[in-house]
Amino acid sequence: MKPQQFAAAQHPNEEVAALIKLLHDTGRRLEDLTAGEVDAVMDRRGRMVLLRRAQDHMRQNEAAKQAAILNALPAHIALLDARGYIISVNQAWREFADSNELQALAHAIGGNYLKVCDNAQGDGAVQAQQVAAGIRTVLTGTLEKFSLEYPCHSPTEKRWFLMKVTPLTDQLPHGAVVMHINITESKLAQYTIKRLNRVHAVLSGINALIVRVRHRDELFRDACRVAVDAGGFRMAMIAIADPATKRLVPIATQGKNKALLNAVENILSSADKAPKTMGVRAMREKRAIVSNDSQNDHQVLLRKKYADLGVLSMAVLPLMVANEAVGVLALYASEVGFFQAEEMALLTELANDIAFAVDHLDKQERLSYLAYYDALTGLANRSLFLERVAQFMRGAESDGHQLALFVIDLERFKNINDNLGRAVGDELLRQVAQSLMRNAAGDVNLLARVGPDHFAVVMPVVRPQGHLTRLIERWIDTLLKQPFRLNDTVFRVFVKVGVAIFPNDGADADTLFKHAEAALKKAKASGQRYLFYTPSMTVSGLANLTLENQLRQALDNEEFVLFYQPKVNLASGSPVQ
């Protein structure tokens, strides 16, 4: 168009419209003619038309707003185009890439994120390929969204991320928004809850055992089993200090193979190595000893063996009874850093519960022992002895043979006890018990202490022509000849023996024992060394008992009458003074 053509136009708007048409026809930019002073104009129909410069400015403003929004988000965000190229990233993405020394080109704008994932190698290759496949499903519209949790641990800390992929626009082909959200805090909380649940399961299971179990070794064995089966621990062990040697001895284990257990026992029996073990240290220091990275911890003496079996952390807790460590509970986990403060608080409670149970069961065993055994000599007491005699009597009746029961009295024992003291008397009883076990009973289950100075022996089988009298005389002579040394003084022991034979002298254990006591009493009264029971012994005893009861009854009823009979001298007739 020539300049004179502008003069033909009668209205300015018509001139502008003609100019716009001319610019569109020739491809020239309006802002070049107007020197950037005009952002928008009206077309012939009154519609607003943005010029290229204004359009660029608006796009820049929108981009700035978008960048500000993305940078304000804590997630690591990258925008991909339809081919997987990165077209935008936020500040969190750039900082994460810089801190982890990621490939600058691959993770920056212009890099192809899909190729990075496809070409990944090493431990994370499989997961990277899963990421690439997930992004492609969103880019192609196969899935509306894709997410994946994955670990991304650094040399100094453990981290977890959640990757979310969503479409960039609603229309295909579209790009994708890739967000990596740090979920480490929630993940650690989940792991903590999981670990605490495991410890709670062990605590609950073992406390149920404490209520039910009545024997210490059974409690230890089942407690280790619960720790491994219910608590998910790799191994468990309970060891107790030997009262005599003070050496820590494993009593129950679960998960340890024979080779490892032998290695543990060898170290605990070593005078040089045992004091350095976590178990002995826990007892000595009366506190829990923990290793949360056992394969790199020099306080774990067998760290290589444990690592080969999947143990990566361990804790050893003392079992405290009356402020003294009596043993240890050792737990072994397959995770590094398992034993944190919360877990140790629960495990300390568990160790205290086990220690309480140990103390309770020891007292129960002590009470049970005292109910059936003599604490001084370790022999069966009268109650247990009679139970054993009853069992032997049933066997004798079934097999058709006799049984003999002997009750033995130590003469003048009271004089020794009174004059030399109880400690000397107790030592004499212990030595006599050992002598009777060797020379008379031959089996500790056939011998008992049934009174302060009385012992009893049962002979389960008596054959015809068994020559019991010779046997008894040999026992007595052996005791008489044996010197008992007490406080550098040699004593000789004299004994009396009463004998009762089953079935003639009693059909049950109580009766047989009473008749043997009656024979002993008669032997002591008559001065004989031994006597066999005869029915007359109990008849005379019964008569004496009857007379005694009658006399007591007469005293209570005031039936005695006092008569006076004076003595008179027959020659003089005078009372004798």
Protein backbone atom coordinates (compact mmCIF):
# COMPACT_ATOMS: atom_id res chain seq x y z
CA MET A 1 0.00 0.00 0.00
CA LYS A 2 1.23 3.46 -0.81
CA PRO A 3 1.14 6.47 1.57
CA GLN A 4 -1.58 8.24 -0.30
CA GLN A 5 -3.87 5.36 0.46
CA PHE A 6 -3.87 6.44 4.19
CA ALA A 7 -5.24 9.84 3.20
CA ALA A 8 -8.25 8.24 1.61
CA ALA A 9 -9.38 6.90 4.98
CA GLN A 10 -11.77 9.30 6.74
CA HIS A 11 -11.60 7.90 10.35
CA PRO A 12 -8.51 7.14 12.53
CA ASN A 13 -9.88 3.74 13.59
CA GLU A 14 -10.15 2.74 9.99
CA GLU A 15 -6.51 3.71 9.51
CA VAL A 16 -5.39 1.52 12.49
CA ALA A 17 -7.44 -1.38 11.25
CA ALA A 18 -5.92 -1.02 7.81
CA LEU A 19 -2.47 -0.92 9.37
CA ILE A 20 -3.08 -4.13 11.34
CA LYS A 21 -4.27 -5.85 8.21
CA LEU A 22 -1.25 -4.62 6.38
CA LEU A 23 1.08 -5.91 9.11
CA HIS A 24 -0.62 -9.29 9.10
CA ASP A 25 -0.34 -9.39 5.32
CA THR A 26 3.33 -8.46 5.26
CA GLY A 27 4.35 -10.29 8.53
CA ARG A 28 5.81 -7.21 10.10
CA ARG A 29 5.47 -6.66 13.87
CA LEU A 30 3.31 -3.76 15.02
CA GLU A 31 5.57 -3.04 17.96
CA ASP A 32 8.44 -2.36 15.60
CA LEU A 33 6.42 0.48 14.03
CA THR A 34 5.09 1.81 17.32
CA ALA A 35 8.44 1.50 19.13
CA GLY A 36 6.87 -0.67 21.84
CA GLU A 37 4.57 2.03 23.05
CA VAL A 38 1.37 0.08 22.28
CA ASP A 39 0.51 -3.26 24.03
CA ALA A 40 -2.94 -3.88 22.53
CA VAL A 41 -5.27 -2.58 19.83
CA MET A 42 -8.89 -3.09 18.80
CA ASP A 43 -9.71 -4.90 15.59
CA ARG A 44 -12.66 -3.94 13.36
CA ARG A 45 -15.09 -5.86 15.56
CA GLY A 46 -13.88 -4.19 18.76
CA ARG A 47 -11.91 -7.21 20.08
CA MET A 48 -8.71 -6.65 22.09
CA VAL A 49 -5.59 -7.93 20.33
CA LEU A 50 -2.31 -8.33 22.32
CA LEU A 51 0.80 -7.46 20.47
CA ARG A 52 3.77 -9.87 20.50
CA ARG A 53 5.71 -7.86 23.07
CA ALA A 54 2.76 -7.88 25.49
CA GLN A 55 2.25 -11.58 24.91
CA ASP A 56 5.91 -12.26 25.77
CA HIS A 57 5.64 -10.11 28.85
CA MET A 58 2.54 -11.98 30.01
CA ARG A 59 4.19 -15.33 29.46
CA GLN A 60 7.17 -14.17 31.49
CA ASN A 61 4.90 -13.07 34.32
CA GLU A 62 3.06 -16.40 34.29
CA ALA A 63 6.34 -18.27 34.24
CA ALA A 64 7.60 -16.21 37.17
CA LYS A 65 4.43 -16.93 39.12
CA GLN A 66 4.68 -20.62 38.28
CA ALA A 67 8.32 -20.74 39.34
CA ALA A 68 7.50 -18.96 42.60
CA ILE A 69 4.79 -21.50 43.36
CA LEU A 70 7.03 -24.46 42.53
CA ASN A 71 9.93 -23.07 44.58
CA ALA A 72 7.64 -22.59 47.57
CA LEU A 73 6.79 -26.30 47.62
CA PRO A 74 9.04 -28.59 49.74
CA ALA A 75 8.80 -31.42 47.20
CA HIS A 76 11.44 -31.87 44.51
CA ILE A 77 9.51 -31.05 41.30
CA ALA A 78 10.36 -31.37 37.64
CA LEU A 79 8.10 -30.71 34.64
CA LEU A 80 8.57 -33.03 31.69
CA ASP A 81 7.42 -32.64 28.11
CA ALA A 82 5.71 -35.43 26.18
CA ARG A 83 9.09 -37.00 25.31
CA GLY A 84 10.41 -36.97 28.88
CA TYR A 85 12.68 -33.93 28.61
CA ILE A 86 12.90 -31.69 31.66
CA ILE A 87 11.42 -28.29 30.84
CA SER A 88 11.37 -26.85 34.35
CA VAL A 89 12.56 -27.67 37.89
CA ASN A 90 12.07 -26.00 41.24
CA GLN A 91 14.73 -24.88 43.69
CA ALA A 92 14.29 -28.00 45.89
CA TRP A 93 15.06 -30.21 42.87
CA ARG A 94 18.24 -28.26 42.09
CA GLU A 95 19.45 -28.33 45.72
CA PHE A 96 18.78 -32.07 46.02
CA ALA A 97 20.69 -32.72 42.78
CA ASP A 98 23.62 -30.59 43.94
CA SER A 99 23.81 -32.15 47.41
CA ASN A 100 23.80 -35.67 45.99
CA GLU A 101 26.27 -34.87 43.15
CA LEU A 102 23.77 -35.99 40.52
CA GLN A 103 24.63 -35.56 36.85
CA ALA A 104 24.06 -31.89 36.14
CA LEU A 105 22.99 -32.30 32.52
CA ALA A 106 20.75 -35.32 33.14
CA HIS A 107 18.84 -33.71 36.00
CA ALA A 108 18.78 -30.11 34.73
CA ILE A 109 16.48 -28.43 32.24
CA GLY A 110 16.95 -29.99 28.84
CA GLY A 111 17.97 -33.40 30.17
CA ASN A 112 15.91 -36.46 29.32
CA TYR A 113 14.65 -37.92 32.57
CA LEU A 114 13.45 -41.13 30.93
CA LYS A 115 16.89 -41.84 29.48
CA VAL A 116 18.48 -41.27 32.89
CA CYS A 117 16.20 -43.91 34.41
CA ASP A 118 16.59 -46.31 31.46
CA ASN A 119 20.39 -46.15 31.65
CA ALA A 120 20.66 -46.44 35.44
CA GLN A 121 23.05 -49.07 36.78
CA GLY A 122 23.93 -50.55 40.14
CA ASP A 123 21.67 -51.21 43.12
CA GLY A 124 18.95 -48.78 42.03
CA ALA A 125 18.75 -49.90 38.38
CA VAL A 126 15.64 -52.03 38.76
CA GLN A 127 13.82 -49.31 40.66
CA ALA A 128 14.86 -46.66 38.11
CA GLN A 129 13.40 -48.77 35.32
CA GLN A 130 10.16 -49.03 37.28
CA VAL A 131 10.13 -45.23 37.51
CA ALA A 132 10.64 -44.85 33.75
CA ALA A 133 7.85 -47.31 33.02
CA GLY A 134 5.52 -45.48 35.42
CA ILE A 135 6.23 -42.06 33.84
CA ARG A 136 5.56 -43.45 30.36
CA THR A 137 2.14 -44.75 31.44
CA VAL A 138 1.20 -41.20 32.46
CA LEU A 139 2.71 -39.56 29.34
CA THR A 140 0.74 -41.91 27.08
CA GLY A 141 -2.45 -41.57 29.09
CA THR A 142 -2.50 -45.26 30.11
CA LEU A 143 -2.66 -44.23 33.79
CA GLU A 144 -3.94 -41.00 35.28
CA LYS A 145 -1.22 -41.06 37.93
CA PHE A 146 1.65 -43.15 39.19
CA SER A 147 3.41 -43.33 42.58
CA LEU A 148 6.33 -45.23 44.07
CA GLU A 149 8.07 -45.25 47.46
CA TYR A 150 11.83 -45.75 47.39
CA PRO A 151 14.85 -45.40 49.69
CA CYS A 152 17.55 -42.85 48.91
CA HIS A 153 20.07 -43.20 51.74
CA SER A 154 23.06 -40.94 52.03
CA PRO A 155 26.32 -41.89 53.75
CA THR A 156 25.21 -40.02 56.87
CA GLU A 157 21.48 -40.68 57.10
CA LYS A 158 18.64 -42.87 55.95
CA ARG A 159 16.04 -41.21 53.69
CA TRP A 160 12.87 -42.28 51.93
CA PHE A 161 10.93 -40.54 49.16
CA LEU A 162 7.52 -40.87 47.56
CA MET A 163 7.51 -40.16 43.81
CA LYS A 164 4.21 -38.98 42.29
CA VAL A 165 3.66 -38.53 38.56
CA THR A 166 0.59 -36.65 37.19
CA PRO A 167 -0.29 -35.22 33.74
CA LEU A 168 0.95 -31.71 32.96
CA THR A 169 -2.19 -30.89 30.91
CA ASP A 170 -5.53 -32.48 30.15
CA GLN A 171 -4.92 -32.85 26.40
CA LEU A 172 -2.75 -35.48 24.74
CA PRO A 173 0.06 -35.41 23.97
CA HIS A 174 0.92 -33.93 27.34
CA GLY A 175 3.90 -33.77 29.60
CA ALA A 176 4.10 -34.79 33.25
CA VAL A 177 4.67 -33.32 36.67
CA VAL A 178 7.20 -35.42 38.62
CA MET A 179 7.30 -34.81 42.38
CA HIS A 180 9.66 -36.45 44.86
CA ILE A 181 8.31 -35.94 48.40
CA ASN A 182 10.58 -36.60 51.39
CA ILE A 183 8.71 -39.07 53.62
CA THR A 184 11.67 -39.91 55.86
CA GLU A 185 10.03 -38.62 59.04
CA SER A 186 6.84 -40.63 58.56
CA LYS A 187 8.84 -43.66 57.43
CA LEU A 188 11.01 -43.54 60.53
CA ALA A 189 7.89 -43.20 62.64
CA GLN A 190 6.45 -46.30 60.94
CA TYR A 191 9.66 -48.24 61.58
CA THR A 192 9.66 -47.11 65.21
CA ILE A 193 6.06 -48.26 65.66
CA LYS A 194 6.89 -51.55 63.95
CA ARG A 195 9.90 -52.12 66.20
CA LEU A 196 7.93 -51.20 69.31
CA ASN A 197 5.13 -53.56 68.28
CA ARG A 198 7.68 -56.35 67.99
CA VAL A 199 9.03 -55.61 71.45
CA HIS A 200 5.49 -55.37 72.84
CA ALA A 201 4.73 -58.79 71.35
CA VAL A 202 7.77 -60.24 73.12
CA LEU A 203 6.87 -58.51 76.39
CA SER A 204 3.29 -59.79 76.24
CA GLY A 205 4.30 -63.33 75.29
CA ILE A 206 6.95 -63.70 77.98
CA ASN A 207 4.72 -62.20 80.68
CA ALA A 208 2.12 -64.83 79.77
CA LEU A 209 4.83 -67.47 80.22
CA ILE A 210 5.77 -66.07 83.61
CA VAL A 211 2.20 -66.61 84.83
CA ARG A 212 1.99 -70.15 83.45
CA VAL A 213 5.45 -71.73 83.68
CA ARG A 214 6.60 -73.33 86.93
CA HIS A 215 10.19 -74.27 86.06
CA ARG A 216 13.04 -71.87 85.40
CA ASP A 217 14.65 -73.70 82.48
CA GLU A 218 11.28 -74.03 80.75
CA LEU A 219 10.71 -70.29 81.17
CA PHE A 220 14.12 -69.50 79.66
CA ARG A 221 13.64 -71.85 76.72
CA ASP A 222 10.16 -70.56 75.87
CA ALA A 223 11.18 -66.91 76.39
CA CYS A 224 13.92 -67.25 73.76
CA ARG A 225 11.46 -68.92 71.41
CA VAL A 226 8.92 -66.08 71.85
CA ALA A 227 11.63 -63.46 71.20
CA VAL A 228 12.49 -65.04 67.84
CA ASP A 229 9.05 -66.22 66.71
CA ALA A 230 6.84 -63.37 67.95
CA GLY A 231 9.40 -60.56 68.18
CA GLY A 232 11.18 -61.20 64.90
CA PHE A 233 14.61 -61.17 66.52
CA ARG A 234 17.32 -63.07 64.71
CA MET A 235 18.51 -64.78 67.87
CA ALA A 236 17.93 -64.79 71.64
CA MET A 237 19.87 -66.17 74.58
CA ILE A 238 19.55 -66.30 78.36
CA ALA A 239 22.67 -67.05 80.38
CA ILE A 240 22.98 -67.44 84.15
CA ALA A 241 26.00 -66.97 86.39
CA ASP A 242 27.18 -70.23 87.94
CA PRO A 243 27.05 -69.71 91.75
CA ALA A 244 30.22 -71.73 92.28
CA THR A 245 32.47 -70.48 89.46
CA LYS A 246 30.73 -67.13 88.80
CA ARG A 247 31.06 -68.00 85.11
CA LEU A 248 28.28 -66.97 82.73
CA VAL A 249 26.67 -70.12 81.32
CA PRO A 250 24.14 -70.14 78.44
CA ILE A 251 20.97 -71.90 79.64
CA ALA A 252 18.63 -71.37 76.68
CA THR A 253 19.09 -70.12 73.12
CA GLN A 254 17.03 -69.76 69.97
CA GLY A 255 18.40 -69.13 66.48
CA LYS A 256 22.05 -69.84 67.30
CA ASN A 257 23.60 -72.75 65.46
CA LYS A 258 25.87 -75.21 67.21
CA ALA A 259 29.08 -73.67 65.89
CA LEU A 260 28.18 -70.18 67.14
CA LEU A 261 26.99 -71.50 70.50
CA ASN A 262 30.26 -73.40 70.94
CA ALA A 263 32.20 -70.24 70.13
CA VAL A 264 30.16 -68.27 72.70
CA GLU A 265 30.71 -70.93 75.37
CA ASN A 266 34.44 -71.03 74.66
CA ILE A 267 34.77 -67.27 75.06
CA LEU A 268 32.70 -67.24 78.26
CA SER A 269 34.91 -69.97 79.73
CA SER A 270 38.10 -68.06 78.88
CA ALA A 271 39.59 -66.14 81.77
CA ASP A 272 41.11 -63.61 79.35
CA LYS A 273 38.23 -63.06 76.92
CA ALA A 274 35.16 -63.48 79.14
CA PRO A 275 35.57 -60.13 80.99
CA LYS A 276 35.54 -58.33 77.62
CA THR A 277 32.24 -59.83 76.45
CA MET A 278 29.08 -57.74 76.43
CA GLY A 279 27.38 -60.30 78.70
CA VAL A 280 29.98 -60.20 81.47
CA ARG A 281 30.21 -56.42 81.17
CA ALA A 282 26.43 -56.11 81.53
CA MET A 283 26.58 -58.15 84.75
CA ARG A 284 29.62 -56.34 86.10
CA GLU A 285 28.32 -52.85 85.31
CA LYS A 286 24.68 -53.74 86.08
CA ARG A 287 23.44 -51.98 82.94
CA ALA A 288 22.42 -52.81 79.39
CA ILE A 289 25.22 -53.03 76.82
CA VAL A 290 24.10 -52.17 73.27
CA SER A 291 25.72 -52.43 69.85
CA ASN A 292 23.63 -50.92 67.05
CA ASP A 293 26.20 -51.75 64.35
CA SER A 294 27.61 -55.03 65.54
CA GLN A 295 29.58 -55.95 62.43
CA ASN A 296 31.68 -52.78 62.80
CA ASP A 297 31.70 -52.60 66.60
CA HIS A 298 34.89 -53.84 68.26
CA GLN A 299 33.12 -54.55 71.54
CA VAL A 300 31.42 -57.49 69.73
CA LEU A 301 34.06 -60.22 69.87
CA LEU A 302 32.32 -62.53 67.39
CA ARG A 303 31.12 -59.80 65.03
CA LYS A 304 32.17 -61.69 61.86
CA LYS A 305 30.26 -64.83 62.88
CA TYR A 306 27.20 -62.81 63.83
CA ALA A 307 27.30 -60.81 60.58
CA ASP A 308 27.46 -64.03 58.55
CA LEU A 309 24.23 -65.12 60.26
CA GLY A 310 22.45 -61.81 59.58
CA VAL A 311 22.90 -60.14 62.97
CA LEU A 312 23.55 -56.40 62.64
CA SER A 313 22.71 -55.12 66.13
CA MET A 314 22.43 -56.61 69.61
CA ALA A 315 21.60 -55.75 73.21
CA VAL A 316 22.54 -57.54 76.41
CA LEU A 317 20.50 -56.72 79.53
CA PRO A 318 21.34 -57.84 83.09
CA LEU A 319 18.81 -59.86 85.09
CA MET A 320 18.79 -58.13 88.47
CA VAL A 321 17.64 -59.88 91.66
CA ALA A 322 18.02 -57.99 94.95
CA ASN A 323 20.34 -55.51 93.20
CA GLU A 324 22.63 -58.31 92.06
CA ALA A 325 23.04 -59.48 88.46
CA VAL A 326 22.25 -63.20 88.28
CA GLY A 327 22.34 -63.53 84.50
CA VAL A 328 21.70 -61.78 81.19
CA LEU A 329 19.11 -61.60 78.44
CA ALA A 330 20.71 -61.17 74.99
CA LEU A 331 18.68 -60.18 71.90
CA TYR A 332 20.01 -60.02 68.34
CA ALA A 333 18.35 -58.04 65.51
CA SER A 334 18.87 -58.17 61.74
CA GLU A 335 18.57 -54.37 61.42
CA VAL A 336 21.25 -51.78 62.08
CA GLY A 337 20.21 -49.36 64.83
CA PHE A 338 17.30 -51.44 66.14
CA PHE A 339 17.86 -50.80 69.85
CA GLN A 340 16.79 -47.20 70.38
CA ALA A 341 15.66 -45.51 73.59
CA GLU A 342 12.00 -46.54 73.28
CA GLU A 343 12.87 -50.17 72.57
CA MET A 344 15.41 -50.30 75.40
CA ALA A 345 12.87 -48.94 77.89
CA LEU A 346 10.51 -51.82 77.06
CA LEU A 347 13.31 -54.40 76.99
CA THR A 348 14.54 -53.22 80.39
CA GLU A 349 11.02 -53.80 81.70
CA LEU A 350 11.10 -57.24 80.09
CA ALA A 351 14.44 -58.09 81.72
CA ASN A 352 13.07 -56.97 85.09
CA ASP A 353 10.01 -59.20 84.61
CA ILE A 354 12.20 -62.20 83.79
CA ALA A 355 14.43 -61.47 86.79
CA PHE A 356 11.36 -61.28 89.03
CA ALA A 357 10.20 -64.62 87.66
CA VAL A 358 13.65 -66.13 88.26
CA ASP A 359 13.58 -64.96 91.85
CA HIS A 360 10.02 -66.22 92.32
CA LEU A 361 10.74 -69.62 90.74
CA ASP A 362 13.96 -70.00 92.75
CA LYS A 363 12.00 -69.37 95.93
CA GLN A 364 9.30 -71.78 94.80
CA GLU A 365 11.93 -74.41 94.05
CA ARG A 366 13.53 -73.72 97.42
CA LEU A 367 10.19 -74.16 99.19
CA SER A 368 9.49 -77.31 97.20
CA TYR A 369 12.94 -78.59 98.05
CA LEU A 370 12.48 -77.92 101.75
CA ALA A 371 9.09 -79.64 101.61
CA TYR A 372 10.72 -82.89 100.51
CA TYR A 373 14.41 -82.67 101.40
CA ASP A 374 16.53 -82.07 104.47
CA ALA A 375 18.38 -78.79 103.97
CA LEU A 376 21.36 -79.88 106.07
CA THR A 377 22.24 -83.23 104.48
CA GLY A 378 20.45 -82.96 101.13
CA LEU A 379 18.71 -86.28 101.84
CA ALA A 380 14.99 -86.92 101.45
CA ASN A 381 12.93 -86.00 104.49
CA ARG A 382 10.36 -88.26 106.11
CA SER A 383 7.53 -87.20 103.79
CA LEU A 384 9.42 -87.93 100.57
CA PHE A 385 10.95 -91.09 102.03
CA LEU A 386 7.54 -92.54 102.83
CA GLU A 387 6.34 -91.75 99.29
CA ARG A 388 9.30 -93.68 97.93
CA VAL A 389 8.72 -96.56 100.35
CA ALA A 390 5.09 -96.74 99.18
CA GLN A 391 6.27 -97.04 95.58
CA PHE A 392 8.75 -99.77 96.47
CA MET A 393 6.03 -101.60 98.43
CA ARG A 394 3.77 -101.67 95.37
CA GLY A 395 6.63 -103.17 93.38
CA ALA A 396 7.35 -105.74 96.10
CA GLU A 397 3.70 -106.74 96.26
CA SER A 398 3.53 -107.08 92.49
CA ASP A 399 6.73 -109.16 92.28
CA GLY A 400 6.02 -111.20 95.41
CA HIS A 401 9.14 -110.38 97.43
CA GLN A 402 9.80 -108.76 100.80
CA LEU A 403 10.98 -105.25 101.60
CA ALA A 404 12.89 -104.04 104.66
CA LEU A 405 12.80 -100.65 106.36
CA PHE A 406 15.51 -99.59 108.85
CA VAL A 407 15.38 -96.68 111.27
CA ILE A 408 18.81 -95.69 112.66
CA ASP A 409 19.47 -93.65 115.80
CA LEU A 410 22.75 -91.86 116.58
CA GLU A 411 23.46 -92.43 120.26
CA ARG A 412 24.57 -89.55 122.46
CA PHE A 413 24.25 -87.11 119.59
CA LYS A 414 22.52 -84.61 121.88
CA ASN A 415 25.59 -84.53 124.12
CA ILE A 416 27.82 -83.64 121.16
CA ASN A 417 25.40 -80.96 120.01
CA ASP A 418 25.05 -79.44 123.49
CA ASN A 419 28.71 -79.53 124.47
CA LEU A 420 30.49 -78.79 121.20
CA GLY A 421 27.90 -76.59 119.54
CA ARG A 422 25.37 -76.92 116.79
CA ALA A 423 27.90 -76.31 114.00
CA VAL A 424 29.89 -79.38 115.08
CA GLY A 425 26.71 -81.41 115.40
CA ASP A 426 25.60 -80.38 111.91
CA GLU A 427 28.94 -81.40 110.45
CA LEU A 428 28.71 -84.79 112.15
CA LEU A 429 25.26 -85.34 110.67
CA ARG A 430 26.57 -84.52 107.18
CA GLN A 431 29.46 -86.95 107.55
CA VAL A 432 27.23 -89.72 108.90
CA ALA A 433 24.81 -89.17 105.98
CA GLN A 434 27.67 -89.59 103.51
CA SER A 435 28.88 -92.73 105.28
CA LEU A 436 25.41 -94.30 105.29
CA MET A 437 24.98 -93.50 101.63
CA ARG A 438 28.25 -95.23 100.76
CA ASN A 439 28.06 -98.24 103.09
CA ALA A 440 24.38 -98.86 103.82
CA ALA A 441 22.08 -97.49 101.14
CA GLY A 442 24.33 -97.34 98.09
CA ASP A 443 21.73 -95.07 96.46
CA VAL A 444 20.78 -91.65 97.77
CA ASN A 445 17.13 -92.35 96.87
CA LEU A 446 17.05 -95.18 99.46
CA LEU A 447 18.25 -93.01 102.35
CA ALA A 448 16.57 -90.24 104.35
CA ARG A 449 16.99 -88.10 107.42
CA VAL A 450 13.76 -88.56 109.37
CA GLY A 451 14.53 -86.82 112.65
CA PRO A 452 17.11 -84.69 114.47
CA ASP A 453 19.38 -87.71 114.98
CA HIS A 454 17.46 -90.39 113.05
CA PHE A 455 18.11 -91.76 109.58
CA ALA A 456 16.10 -94.32 107.61
CA VAL A 457 17.06 -96.81 104.89
CA VAL A 458 14.77 -98.84 102.67
CA MET A 459 15.88 -102.10 101.04
CA PRO A 460 13.44 -102.54 98.12
CA VAL A 461 14.16 -106.25 97.63
CA VAL A 462 14.78 -108.82 100.38
CA ARG A 463 15.32 -112.36 99.18
CA PRO A 464 14.92 -115.49 101.31
CA GLN A 465 18.12 -116.18 103.25
CA GLY A 466 19.08 -112.58 102.67
CA HIS A 467 21.01 -112.59 105.95
CA LEU A 468 19.66 -109.23 107.13
CA THR A 469 21.22 -109.64 110.53
CA ARG A 470 24.71 -109.91 109.03
CA LEU A 471 24.04 -106.87 106.90
CA ILE A 472 22.90 -104.80 109.87
CA GLU A 473 25.87 -105.88 111.97
CA ARG A 474 28.22 -104.90 109.12
CA TRP A 475 26.63 -101.46 108.93
CA ILE A 476 26.98 -100.91 112.65
CA ASP A 477 30.58 -102.12 112.72
CA THR A 478 31.50 -99.93 109.74
CA LEU A 479 30.10 -96.83 111.43
CA LEU A 480 31.77 -97.76 114.70
CA LYS A 481 35.17 -98.19 113.09
CA GLN A 482 34.95 -95.08 110.93
CA PRO A 483 36.59 -92.01 112.48
CA PHE A 484 34.66 -88.77 112.18
CA ARG A 485 36.97 -85.77 112.44
CA LEU A 486 35.40 -82.66 113.96
CA ASN A 487 37.50 -79.62 114.98
CA ASP A 488 40.69 -81.68 114.89
CA THR A 489 39.08 -84.25 117.19
CA VAL A 490 38.19 -87.79 116.16
CA PHE A 491 34.77 -89.10 117.19
CA ARG A 492 33.27 -92.60 117.03
CA VAL A 493 29.57 -93.07 116.37
CA PHE A 494 27.36 -95.65 118.05
CA VAL A 495 23.99 -96.47 116.56
CA LYS A 496 20.84 -98.45 117.29
CA VAL A 497 18.68 -99.91 114.53
CA GLY A 498 15.01 -100.88 114.36
CA VAL A 499 13.80 -103.09 111.49
CA ALA A 500 10.36 -103.76 109.99
CA ILE A 501 9.63 -106.18 107.13
CA PHE A 502 6.93 -105.83 104.45
CA PRO A 503 4.38 -107.38 104.19
CA ASN A 504 4.44 -109.05 107.64
CA ASP A 505 5.00 -105.89 109.71
CA GLY A 506 2.78 -103.43 107.84
CA ALA A 507 0.65 -103.14 104.73
CA ASP A 508 1.38 -99.44 104.13
CA ALA A 509 4.39 -97.17 104.41
CA ASP A 510 3.21 -95.28 107.51
CA THR A 511 2.51 -98.47 109.47
CA LEU A 512 5.77 -100.09 108.42
CA PHE A 513 7.71 -97.00 109.48
CA LYS A 514 5.97 -96.80 112.85
CA HIS A 515 6.76 -100.43 113.52
CA ALA A 516 10.43 -99.89 112.65
CA GLU A 517 10.42 -96.97 115.12
CA ALA A 518 8.87 -99.25 117.76
CA ALA A 519 11.66 -101.79 117.20
CA LEU A 520 14.25 -99.01 117.53
CA LYS A 521 12.70 -97.80 120.76
CA LYS A 522 12.77 -101.31 122.19
CA ALA A 523 16.40 -101.75 121.13
CA LYS A 524 17.38 -98.51 122.88
CA ALA A 525 15.49 -99.53 126.02
CA SER A 526 16.99 -103.00 126.09
CA GLY A 527 20.53 -101.94 125.16
CA GLN A 528 20.63 -104.16 122.09
CA ARG A 529 22.26 -102.90 118.90
CA TYR A 530 19.28 -103.77 116.71
CA LEU A 531 15.87 -105.42 116.91
CA PHE A 532 13.31 -106.67 114.41
CA TYR A 533 9.73 -105.62 114.98
CA THR A 534 7.35 -107.96 116.83
CA PRO A 535 3.66 -107.28 117.53
CA SER A 536 4.31 -107.33 121.30
CA MET A 537 6.32 -104.15 120.95
CA THR A 538 3.30 -102.16 119.90
CA VAL A 539 1.01 -104.00 122.33
CA SER A 540 3.16 -103.00 125.31
CA GLY A 541 3.51 -99.57 123.86
CA LEU A 542 -0.26 -99.33 123.46
CA ALA A 543 -0.77 -100.50 127.07
CA ASN A 544 1.62 -97.85 128.35
CA LEU A 545 -0.09 -95.22 126.23
CA THR A 546 -3.52 -96.30 127.55
CA LEU A 547 -2.32 -96.14 131.17
CA GLU A 548 -0.83 -92.70 130.60
CA ASN A 549 -4.08 -91.40 129.11
CA GLN A 550 -6.09 -92.85 131.99
CA LEU A 551 -3.84 -91.19 134.56
CA ARG A 552 -4.15 -87.82 132.81
CA GLN A 553 -7.91 -88.19 132.65
CA ALA A 554 -8.05 -89.06 136.38
CA LEU A 555 -6.03 -85.94 137.21
CA ASP A 556 -8.34 -83.77 135.14
CA ASN A 557 -11.42 -85.28 136.83
CA GLU A 558 -9.89 -85.08 140.35
CA GLU A 559 -10.42 -88.78 140.83
CA PHE A 560 -7.29 -89.35 142.90
CA VAL A 561 -7.88 -89.78 146.72
CA LEU A 562 -5.05 -89.33 149.20
CA PHE A 563 -4.75 -91.94 152.02
CA TYR A 564 -2.31 -91.70 154.94
CA GLN A 565 -0.78 -94.85 156.45
CA PRO A 566 1.48 -94.15 159.44
CA LYS A 567 4.48 -96.34 160.21
CA VAL A 568 4.44 -97.78 163.81
CA ASN A 569 7.26 -99.31 165.77
CA LEU A 570 5.88 -102.74 166.78
CA ALA A 571 8.08 -102.96 169.87
CA SER A 572 7.20 -99.57 171.31
CA GLY A 573 3.94 -98.91 169.54
CA SER A 574 5.08 -95.40 168.70
CA PRO A 575 4.85 -93.80 165.21
CA VAL A 576 8.09 -93.83 163.31
CA GLN A 577 9.41 -90.33 162.80
